[in-house]
Amino acid sequence: EEAFEFKTEMEDVLSYTAPYVDEAVDRM
């Protein structure tokens, strides 16, 4: 379950652009 939650956050990091990427990285 946690691995899939990580995957979701990683996908967000790979799709975001600044300024939101820092927040996404923190969640990842």
PDB file of all heavy atoms in Angstrom:
ATOM      1  N   GLU A   1       0.840  -1.209   0.000  1.00  0.00           N
ATOM      2  CA  GLU A   1       0.000   0.000   0.000  1.00  0.00           C
ATOM      3  C   GLU A   1       0.873   1.257   0.000  1.00  0.00           C
ATOM      4  O   GLU A   1       0.644   2.183  -0.783  1.00  0.00           O
ATOM      5  CB  GLU A   1      -0.909  -0.017   1.224  1.00  0.00           C
ATOM      6  CG  GLU A   1      -1.749   1.223   1.404  1.00  0.00           C
ATOM      7  CD  GLU A   1      -2.510   1.211   2.724  1.00  0.00           C
ATOM      8  OE1 GLU A   1      -2.905   0.133   3.202  1.00  0.00           O
ATOM      9  OE2 GLU A   1      -2.705   2.314   3.285  1.00  0.00           O
ATOM     10  N   GLU A   2       1.872   1.280   0.872  1.00  0.00           N
ATOM     11  CA  GLU A   2       2.747   2.452   0.961  1.00  0.00           C
ATOM     12  C   GLU A   2       3.584   2.613  -0.305  1.00  0.00           C
ATOM     13  O   GLU A   2       3.834   3.740  -0.752  1.00  0.00           O
ATOM     14  CB  GLU A   2       3.645   2.362   2.191  1.00  0.00           C
ATOM     15  CG  GLU A   2       2.910   2.419   3.512  1.00  0.00           C
ATOM     16  CD  GLU A   2       2.149   3.716   3.755  1.00  0.00           C
ATOM     17  OE1 GLU A   2       2.373   4.725   3.041  1.00  0.00           O
ATOM     18  OE2 GLU A   2       1.325   3.728   4.689  1.00  0.00           O
ATOM     19  N   ALA A   3       4.010   1.508  -0.905  1.00  0.00           N
ATOM     20  CA  ALA A   3       4.775   1.591  -2.149  1.00  0.00           C
ATOM     21  C   ALA A   3       3.934   2.224  -3.261  1.00  0.00           C
ATOM     22  O   ALA A   3       4.437   3.048  -4.035  1.00  0.00           O
ATOM     23  CB  ALA A   3       5.265   0.203  -2.562  1.00  0.00           C
ATOM     24  N   PHE A   4       2.660   1.878  -3.334  1.00  0.00           N
ATOM     25  CA  PHE A   4       1.787   2.486  -4.342  1.00  0.00           C
ATOM     26  C   PHE A   4       1.514   3.956  -4.039  1.00  0.00           C
ATOM     27  O   PHE A   4       1.406   4.768  -4.961  1.00  0.00           O
ATOM     28  CB  PHE A   4       0.487   1.696  -4.489  1.00  0.00           C
ATOM     29  CG  PHE A   4       0.627   0.521  -5.419  1.00  0.00           C
ATOM     30  CD1 PHE A   4       0.741  -0.759  -4.912  1.00  0.00           C
ATOM     31  CD2 PHE A   4       0.663   0.704  -6.795  1.00  0.00           C
ATOM     32  CE1 PHE A   4       0.888  -1.850  -5.765  1.00  0.00           C
ATOM     33  CE2 PHE A   4       0.815  -0.374  -7.660  1.00  0.00           C
ATOM     34  CZ  PHE A   4       0.931  -1.654  -7.136  1.00  0.00           C
ATOM     35  N   GLU A   5       1.425   4.318  -2.763  1.00  0.00           N
ATOM     36  CA  GLU A   5       1.277   5.728  -2.412  1.00  0.00           C
ATOM     37  C   GLU A   5       2.530   6.505  -2.824  1.00  0.00           C
ATOM     38  O   GLU A   5       2.431   7.627  -3.332  1.00  0.00           O
ATOM     39  CB  GLU A   5       0.984   5.883  -0.924  1.00  0.00           C
ATOM     40  CG  GLU A   5      -0.415   5.432  -0.555  1.00  0.00           C
ATOM     41  CD  GLU A   5      -0.712   5.533   0.932  1.00  0.00           C
ATOM     42  OE1 GLU A   5       0.057   6.174   1.677  1.00  0.00           O
ATOM     43  OE2 GLU A   5      -1.743   4.951   1.354  1.00  0.00           O
ATOM     44  N   PHE A   6       3.700   5.897  -2.629  1.00  0.00           N
ATOM     45  CA  PHE A   6       4.932   6.528  -3.085  1.00  0.00           C
ATOM     46  C   PHE A   6       4.900   6.711  -4.598  1.00  0.00           C
ATOM     47  O   PHE A   6       5.256   7.774  -5.118  1.00  0.00           O
ATOM     48  CB  PHE A   6       6.159   5.703  -2.681  1.00  0.00           C
ATOM     49  CG  PHE A   6       7.416   6.198  -3.324  1.00  0.00           C
ATOM     50  CD1 PHE A   6       8.067   7.312  -2.839  1.00  0.00           C
ATOM     51  CD2 PHE A   6       7.921   5.570  -4.449  1.00  0.00           C
ATOM     52  CE1 PHE A   6       9.215   7.798  -3.452  1.00  0.00           C
ATOM     53  CE2 PHE A   6       9.063   6.039  -5.074  1.00  0.00           C
ATOM     54  CZ  PHE A   6       9.710   7.151  -4.575  1.00  0.00           C
ATOM     55  N   LYS A   7       4.470   5.682  -5.311  1.00  0.00           N
ATOM     56  CA  LYS A   7       4.409   5.753  -6.772  1.00  0.00           C
ATOM     57  C   LYS A   7       3.544   6.922  -7.231  1.00  0.00           C
ATOM     58  O   LYS A   7       3.905   7.659  -8.148  1.00  0.00           O
ATOM     59  CB  LYS A   7       3.867   4.440  -7.344  1.00  0.00           C
ATOM     60  CG  LYS A   7       3.745   4.413  -8.861  1.00  0.00           C
ATOM     61  CD  LYS A   7       3.115   3.114  -9.331  1.00  0.00           C
ATOM     62  CE  LYS A   7       2.996   3.029 -10.828  1.00  0.00           C
ATOM     63  NZ  LYS A   7       2.084   3.977 -11.428  1.00  0.00           N
ATOM     64  N   THR A   8       2.408   7.106  -6.578  1.00  0.00           N
ATOM     65  CA  THR A   8       1.515   8.217  -6.921  1.00  0.00           C
ATOM     66  C   THR A   8       2.218   9.554  -6.733  1.00  0.00           C
ATOM     67  O   THR A   8       2.158  10.434  -7.604  1.00  0.00           O
ATOM     68  CB  THR A   8       0.234   8.158  -6.065  1.00  0.00           C
ATOM     69  OG1 THR A   8      -0.447   6.930  -6.351  1.00  0.00           O
ATOM     70  CG2 THR A   8      -0.683   9.332  -6.341  1.00  0.00           C
ATOM     71  N   GLU A   9       2.896   9.708  -5.596  1.00  0.00           N
ATOM     72  CA  GLU A   9       3.601  10.968  -5.335  1.00  0.00           C
ATOM     73  C   GLU A   9       4.766  11.157  -6.301  1.00  0.00           C
ATOM     74  O   GLU A   9       5.020  12.275  -6.756  1.00  0.00           O
ATOM     75  CB  GLU A   9       4.085  11.020  -3.889  1.00  0.00           C
ATOM     76  CG  GLU A   9       2.972  11.053  -2.869  1.00  0.00           C
ATOM     77  CD  GLU A   9       2.010  12.225  -3.005  1.00  0.00           C
ATOM     78  OE1 GLU A   9       2.391  13.277  -3.586  1.00  0.00           O
ATOM     79  OE2 GLU A   9       0.866  12.093  -2.541  1.00  0.00           O
ATOM     80  N   MET A  10       5.473  10.082  -6.649  1.00  0.00           N
ATOM     81  CA  MET A  10       6.576  10.174  -7.597  1.00  0.00           C
ATOM     82  C   MET A  10       6.063  10.631  -8.960  1.00  0.00           C
ATOM     83  O   MET A  10       6.667  11.489  -9.615  1.00  0.00           O
ATOM     84  CB  MET A  10       7.283   8.825  -7.722  1.00  0.00           C
ATOM     85  CG  MET A  10       8.471   8.855  -8.653  1.00  0.00           C
ATOM     86  SD  MET A  10       9.232   7.229  -8.867  1.00  0.00           S
ATOM     87  CE  MET A  10       7.972   6.371  -9.809  1.00  0.00           C
ATOM     88  N   GLU A  11       4.930  10.099  -9.379  1.00  0.00           N
ATOM     89  CA  GLU A  11       4.346  10.513 -10.655  1.00  0.00           C
ATOM     90  C   GLU A  11       3.993  11.996 -10.624  1.00  0.00           C
ATOM     91  O   GLU A  11       4.177  12.701 -11.618  1.00  0.00           O
ATOM     92  CB  GLU A  11       3.118   9.663 -10.970  1.00  0.00           C
ATOM     93  CG  GLU A  11       3.482   8.241 -11.354  1.00  0.00           C
ATOM     94  CD  GLU A  11       2.279   7.309 -11.448  1.00  0.00           C
ATOM     95  OE1 GLU A  11       1.183   7.663 -10.953  1.00  0.00           O
ATOM     96  OE2 GLU A  11       2.456   6.210 -12.002  1.00  0.00           O
ATOM     97  N   ASP A  12       3.509  12.458  -9.466  1.00  0.00           N
ATOM     98  CA  ASP A  12       3.209  13.892  -9.328  1.00  0.00           C
ATOM     99  C   ASP A  12       4.480  14.718  -9.479  1.00  0.00           C
ATOM    100  O   ASP A  12       4.490  15.742 -10.173  1.00  0.00           O
ATOM    101  CB  ASP A  12       2.548  14.193  -7.984  1.00  0.00           C
ATOM    102  CG  ASP A  12       1.087  13.804  -7.939  1.00  0.00           C
ATOM    103  OD1 ASP A  12       0.523  13.453  -9.001  1.00  0.00           O
ATOM    104  OD2 ASP A  12       0.504  13.841  -6.842  1.00  0.00           O
ATOM    105  N   VAL A  13       5.558  14.289  -8.823  1.00  0.00           N
ATOM    106  CA  VAL A  13       6.821  15.029  -8.906  1.00  0.00           C
ATOM    107  C   VAL A  13       7.285  15.106 -10.354  1.00  0.00           C
ATOM    108  O   VAL A  13       7.724  16.157 -10.817  1.00  0.00           O
ATOM    109  CB  VAL A  13       7.911  14.370  -8.023  1.00  0.00           C
ATOM    110  CG1 VAL A  13       9.298  14.889  -8.369  1.00  0.00           C
ATOM    111  CG2 VAL A  13       7.605  14.597  -6.552  1.00  0.00           C
ATOM    112  N   LEU A  14       7.162  14.011 -11.075  1.00  0.00           N
ATOM    113  CA  LEU A  14       7.629  13.989 -12.456  1.00  0.00           C
ATOM    114  C   LEU A  14       6.761  14.826 -13.385  1.00  0.00           C
ATOM    115  O   LEU A  14       7.203  15.208 -14.470  1.00  0.00           O
ATOM    116  CB  LEU A  14       7.713  12.545 -12.952  1.00  0.00           C
ATOM    117  CG  LEU A  14       8.727  11.667 -12.194  1.00  0.00           C
ATOM    118  CD1 LEU A  14       8.634  10.225 -12.686  1.00  0.00           C
ATOM    119  CD2 LEU A  14      10.136  12.203 -12.324  1.00  0.00           C
ATOM    120  N   SER A  15       5.547  15.142 -12.958  1.00  0.00           N
ATOM    121  CA  SER A  15       4.644  15.906 -13.828  1.00  0.00           C
ATOM    122  C   SER A  15       4.539  17.384 -13.447  1.00  0.00           C
ATOM    123  O   SER A  15       4.096  18.189 -14.244  1.00  0.00           O
ATOM    124  CB  SER A  15       3.247  15.275 -13.816  1.00  0.00           C
ATOM    125  OG  SER A  15       2.646  15.435 -12.542  1.00  0.00           O
ATOM    126  N   TYR A  16       4.949  17.749 -12.225  1.00  0.00           N
ATOM    127  CA  TYR A  16       4.828  19.134 -11.778  1.00  0.00           C
ATOM    128  C   TYR A  16       5.947  20.008 -12.301  1.00  0.00           C
ATOM    129  O   TYR A  16       7.038  19.549 -12.610  1.00  0.00           O
ATOM    130  CB  TYR A  16       4.845  19.229 -10.244  1.00  0.00           C
ATOM    131  CG  TYR A  16       3.528  18.943  -9.580  1.00  0.00           C
ATOM    132  CD1 TYR A  16       3.469  18.094  -8.490  1.00  0.00           C
ATOM    133  CD2 TYR A  16       2.355  19.518 -10.024  1.00  0.00           C
ATOM    134  CE1 TYR A  16       2.268  17.824  -7.857  1.00  0.00           C
ATOM    135  CE2 TYR A  16       1.151  19.262  -9.411  1.00  0.00           C
ATOM    136  CZ  TYR A  16       1.117  18.407  -8.324  1.00  0.00           C
ATOM    137  OH  TYR A  16      -0.071  18.146  -7.708  1.00  0.00           O
ATOM    138  N   THR A  17       5.635  21.299 -12.348  1.00  0.00           N
ATOM    139  CA  THR A  17       6.648  22.309 -12.613  1.00  0.00           C
ATOM    140  C   THR A  17       6.643  23.281 -11.440  1.00  0.00           C
ATOM    141  O   THR A  17       5.685  23.321 -10.660  1.00  0.00           O
ATOM    142  CB  THR A  17       6.347  23.065 -13.918  1.00  0.00           C
ATOM    143  OG1 THR A  17       5.041  23.638 -13.843  1.00  0.00           O
ATOM    144  CG2 THR A  17       6.423  22.136 -15.123  1.00  0.00           C
ATOM    145  N   ALA A  18       7.688  24.055 -11.309  1.00  0.00           N
ATOM    146  CA  ALA A  18       7.785  25.031 -10.212  1.00  0.00           C
ATOM    147  C   ALA A  18       6.559  25.930 -10.251  1.00  0.00           C
ATOM    148  O   ALA A  18       6.017  26.197 -11.312  1.00  0.00           O
ATOM    149  CB  ALA A  18       9.057  25.843 -10.357  1.00  0.00           C
ATOM    150  N   PRO A  19       6.038  26.393  -9.141  1.00  0.00           N
ATOM    151  CA  PRO A  19       6.558  26.292  -7.771  1.00  0.00           C
ATOM    152  C   PRO A  19       6.028  25.065  -7.017  1.00  0.00           C
ATOM    153  O   PRO A  19       6.349  24.875  -5.861  1.00  0.00           O
ATOM    154  CB  PRO A  19       6.042  27.560  -7.114  1.00  0.00           C
ATOM    155  CG  PRO A  19       4.714  27.775  -7.764  1.00  0.00           C
ATOM    156  CD  PRO A  19       4.894  27.292  -9.188  1.00  0.00           C
ATOM    157  N   TYR A  20       5.222  24.235  -7.647  1.00  0.00           N
ATOM    158  CA  TYR A  20       4.569  23.137  -6.940  1.00  0.00           C
ATOM    159  C   TYR A  20       5.468  21.924  -6.731  1.00  0.00           C
ATOM    160  O   TYR A  20       5.161  21.066  -5.918  1.00  0.00           O
ATOM    161  CB  TYR A  20       3.300  22.710  -7.677  1.00  0.00           C
ATOM    162  CG  TYR A  20       2.336  23.847  -7.854  1.00  0.00           C
ATOM    163  CD1 TYR A  20       2.146  24.438  -9.091  1.00  0.00           C
ATOM    164  CD2 TYR A  20       1.635  24.352  -6.765  1.00  0.00           C
ATOM    165  CE1 TYR A  20       1.272  25.497  -9.247  1.00  0.00           C
ATOM    166  CE2 TYR A  20       0.764  25.420  -6.909  1.00  0.00           C
ATOM    167  CZ  TYR A  20       0.593  25.987  -8.154  1.00  0.00           C
ATOM    168  OH  TYR A  20      -0.270  27.032  -8.293  1.00  0.00           O
ATOM    169  N   VAL A  21       6.575  21.855  -7.449  1.00  0.00           N
ATOM    170  CA  VAL A  21       7.412  20.670  -7.388  1.00  0.00           C
ATOM    171  C   VAL A  21       7.993  20.459  -5.983  1.00  0.00           C
ATOM    172  O   VAL A  21       8.111  19.328  -5.528  1.00  0.00           O
ATOM    173  CB  VAL A  21       8.503  20.686  -8.469  1.00  0.00           C
ATOM    174  CG1 VAL A  21       9.566  21.722  -8.181  1.00  0.00           C
ATOM    175  CG2 VAL A  21       9.103  19.315  -8.659  1.00  0.00           C
ATOM    176  N   ASP A  22       8.339  21.523  -5.277  1.00  0.00           N
ATOM    177  CA  ASP A  22       8.905  21.367  -3.928  1.00  0.00           C
ATOM    178  C   ASP A  22       7.926  20.700  -2.978  1.00  0.00           C
ATOM    179  O   ASP A  22       8.310  19.828  -2.199  1.00  0.00           O
ATOM    180  CB  ASP A  22       9.342  22.718  -3.360  1.00  0.00           C
ATOM    181  CG  ASP A  22      10.565  23.289  -4.076  1.00  0.00           C
ATOM    182  OD1 ASP A  22      11.287  22.513  -4.729  1.00  0.00           O
ATOM    183  OD2 ASP A  22      10.781  24.508  -3.975  1.00  0.00           O
ATOM    184  N   GLU A  23       6.665  21.088  -3.055  1.00  0.00           N
ATOM    185  CA  GLU A  23       5.636  20.464  -2.216  1.00  0.00           C
ATOM    186  C   GLU A  23       5.468  18.992  -2.593  1.00  0.00           C
ATOM    187  O   GLU A  23       5.311  18.131  -1.730  1.00  0.00           O
ATOM    188  CB  GLU A  23       4.302  21.192  -2.371  1.00  0.00           C
ATOM    189  CG  GLU A  23       4.326  22.612  -1.839  1.00  0.00           C
ATOM    190  CD  GLU A  23       3.081  23.389  -2.230  1.00  0.00           C
ATOM    191  OE1 GLU A  23       2.069  22.775  -2.619  1.00  0.00           O
ATOM    192  OE2 GLU A  23       3.134  24.627  -2.154  1.00  0.00           O
ATOM    193  N   ALA A  24       5.498  18.706  -3.873  1.00  0.00           N
ATOM    194  CA  ALA A  24       5.348  17.330  -4.340  1.00  0.00           C
ATOM    195  C   ALA A  24       6.538  16.480  -3.894  1.00  0.00           C
ATOM    196  O   ALA A  24       6.368  15.325  -3.492  1.00  0.00           O
ATOM    197  CB  ALA A  24       5.193  17.297  -5.858  1.00  0.00           C
ATOM    198  N   VAL A  25       7.727  17.044  -3.945  1.00  0.00           N
ATOM    199  CA  VAL A  25       8.925  16.314  -3.501  1.00  0.00           C
ATOM    200  C   VAL A  25       8.820  16.008  -2.010  1.00  0.00           C
ATOM    201  O   VAL A  25       9.150  14.905  -1.571  1.00  0.00           O
ATOM    202  CB  VAL A  25      10.215  17.103  -3.827  1.00  0.00           C
ATOM    203  CG1 VAL A  25      11.418  16.515  -3.100  1.00  0.00           C
ATOM    204  CG2 VAL A  25      10.461  17.129  -5.328  1.00  0.00           C
ATOM    205  N   ASP A  26       8.344  16.968  -1.224  1.00  0.00           N
ATOM    206  CA  ASP A  26       8.165  16.731   0.215  1.00  0.00           C
ATOM    207  C   ASP A  26       7.186  15.589   0.465  1.00  0.00           C
ATOM    208  O   ASP A  26       7.433  14.731   1.321  1.00  0.00           O
ATOM    209  CB  ASP A  26       7.682  17.996   0.920  1.00  0.00           C
ATOM    210  CG  ASP A  26       8.761  19.055   1.036  1.00  0.00           C
ATOM    211  OD1 ASP A  26       9.960  18.734   0.855  1.00  0.00           O
ATOM    212  OD2 ASP A  26       8.409  20.223   1.313  1.00  0.00           O
ATOM    213  N   ARG A  27       6.094  15.550  -0.285  1.00  0.00           N
ATOM    214  CA  ARG A  27       5.118  14.459  -0.130  1.00  0.00           C
ATOM    215  C   ARG A  27       5.728  13.120  -0.557  1.00  0.00           C
ATOM    216  O   ARG A  27       5.509  12.089   0.079  1.00  0.00           O
ATOM    217  CB  ARG A  27       3.842  14.757  -0.920  1.00  0.00           C
ATOM    218  CG  ARG A  27       2.994  15.867  -0.334  1.00  0.00           C
ATOM    219  CD  ARG A  27       1.606  15.939  -0.976  1.00  0.00           C
ATOM    220  NE  ARG A  27       1.625  15.958  -2.429  1.00  0.00           N
ATOM    221  CZ  ARG A  27       1.733  17.052  -3.173  1.00  0.00           C
ATOM    222  NH1 ARG A  27       1.846  18.238  -2.607  1.00  0.00           N
ATOM    223  NH2 ARG A  27       1.721  16.976  -4.489  1.00  0.00           N
ATOM    224  N   MET A  28       6.521  13.152  -1.631  1.00  0.00           N
ATOM    225  CA  MET A  28       7.170  11.933  -2.108  1.00  0.00           C
ATOM    226  C   MET A  28       8.151  11.412  -1.055  1.00  0.00           C
ATOM    227  O   MET A  28       8.189  10.212  -0.772  1.00  0.00           O
ATOM    228  CB  MET A  28       7.898  12.197  -3.423  1.00  0.00           C
ATOM    229  CG  MET A  28       8.564  10.965  -4.003  1.00  0.00           C
ATOM    230  SD  MET A  28       9.449  11.273  -5.555  1.00  0.00           S
ATOM    231  CE  MET A  28      10.799  12.297  -4.987  1.00  0.00           C
TER     232      MET A  28
END
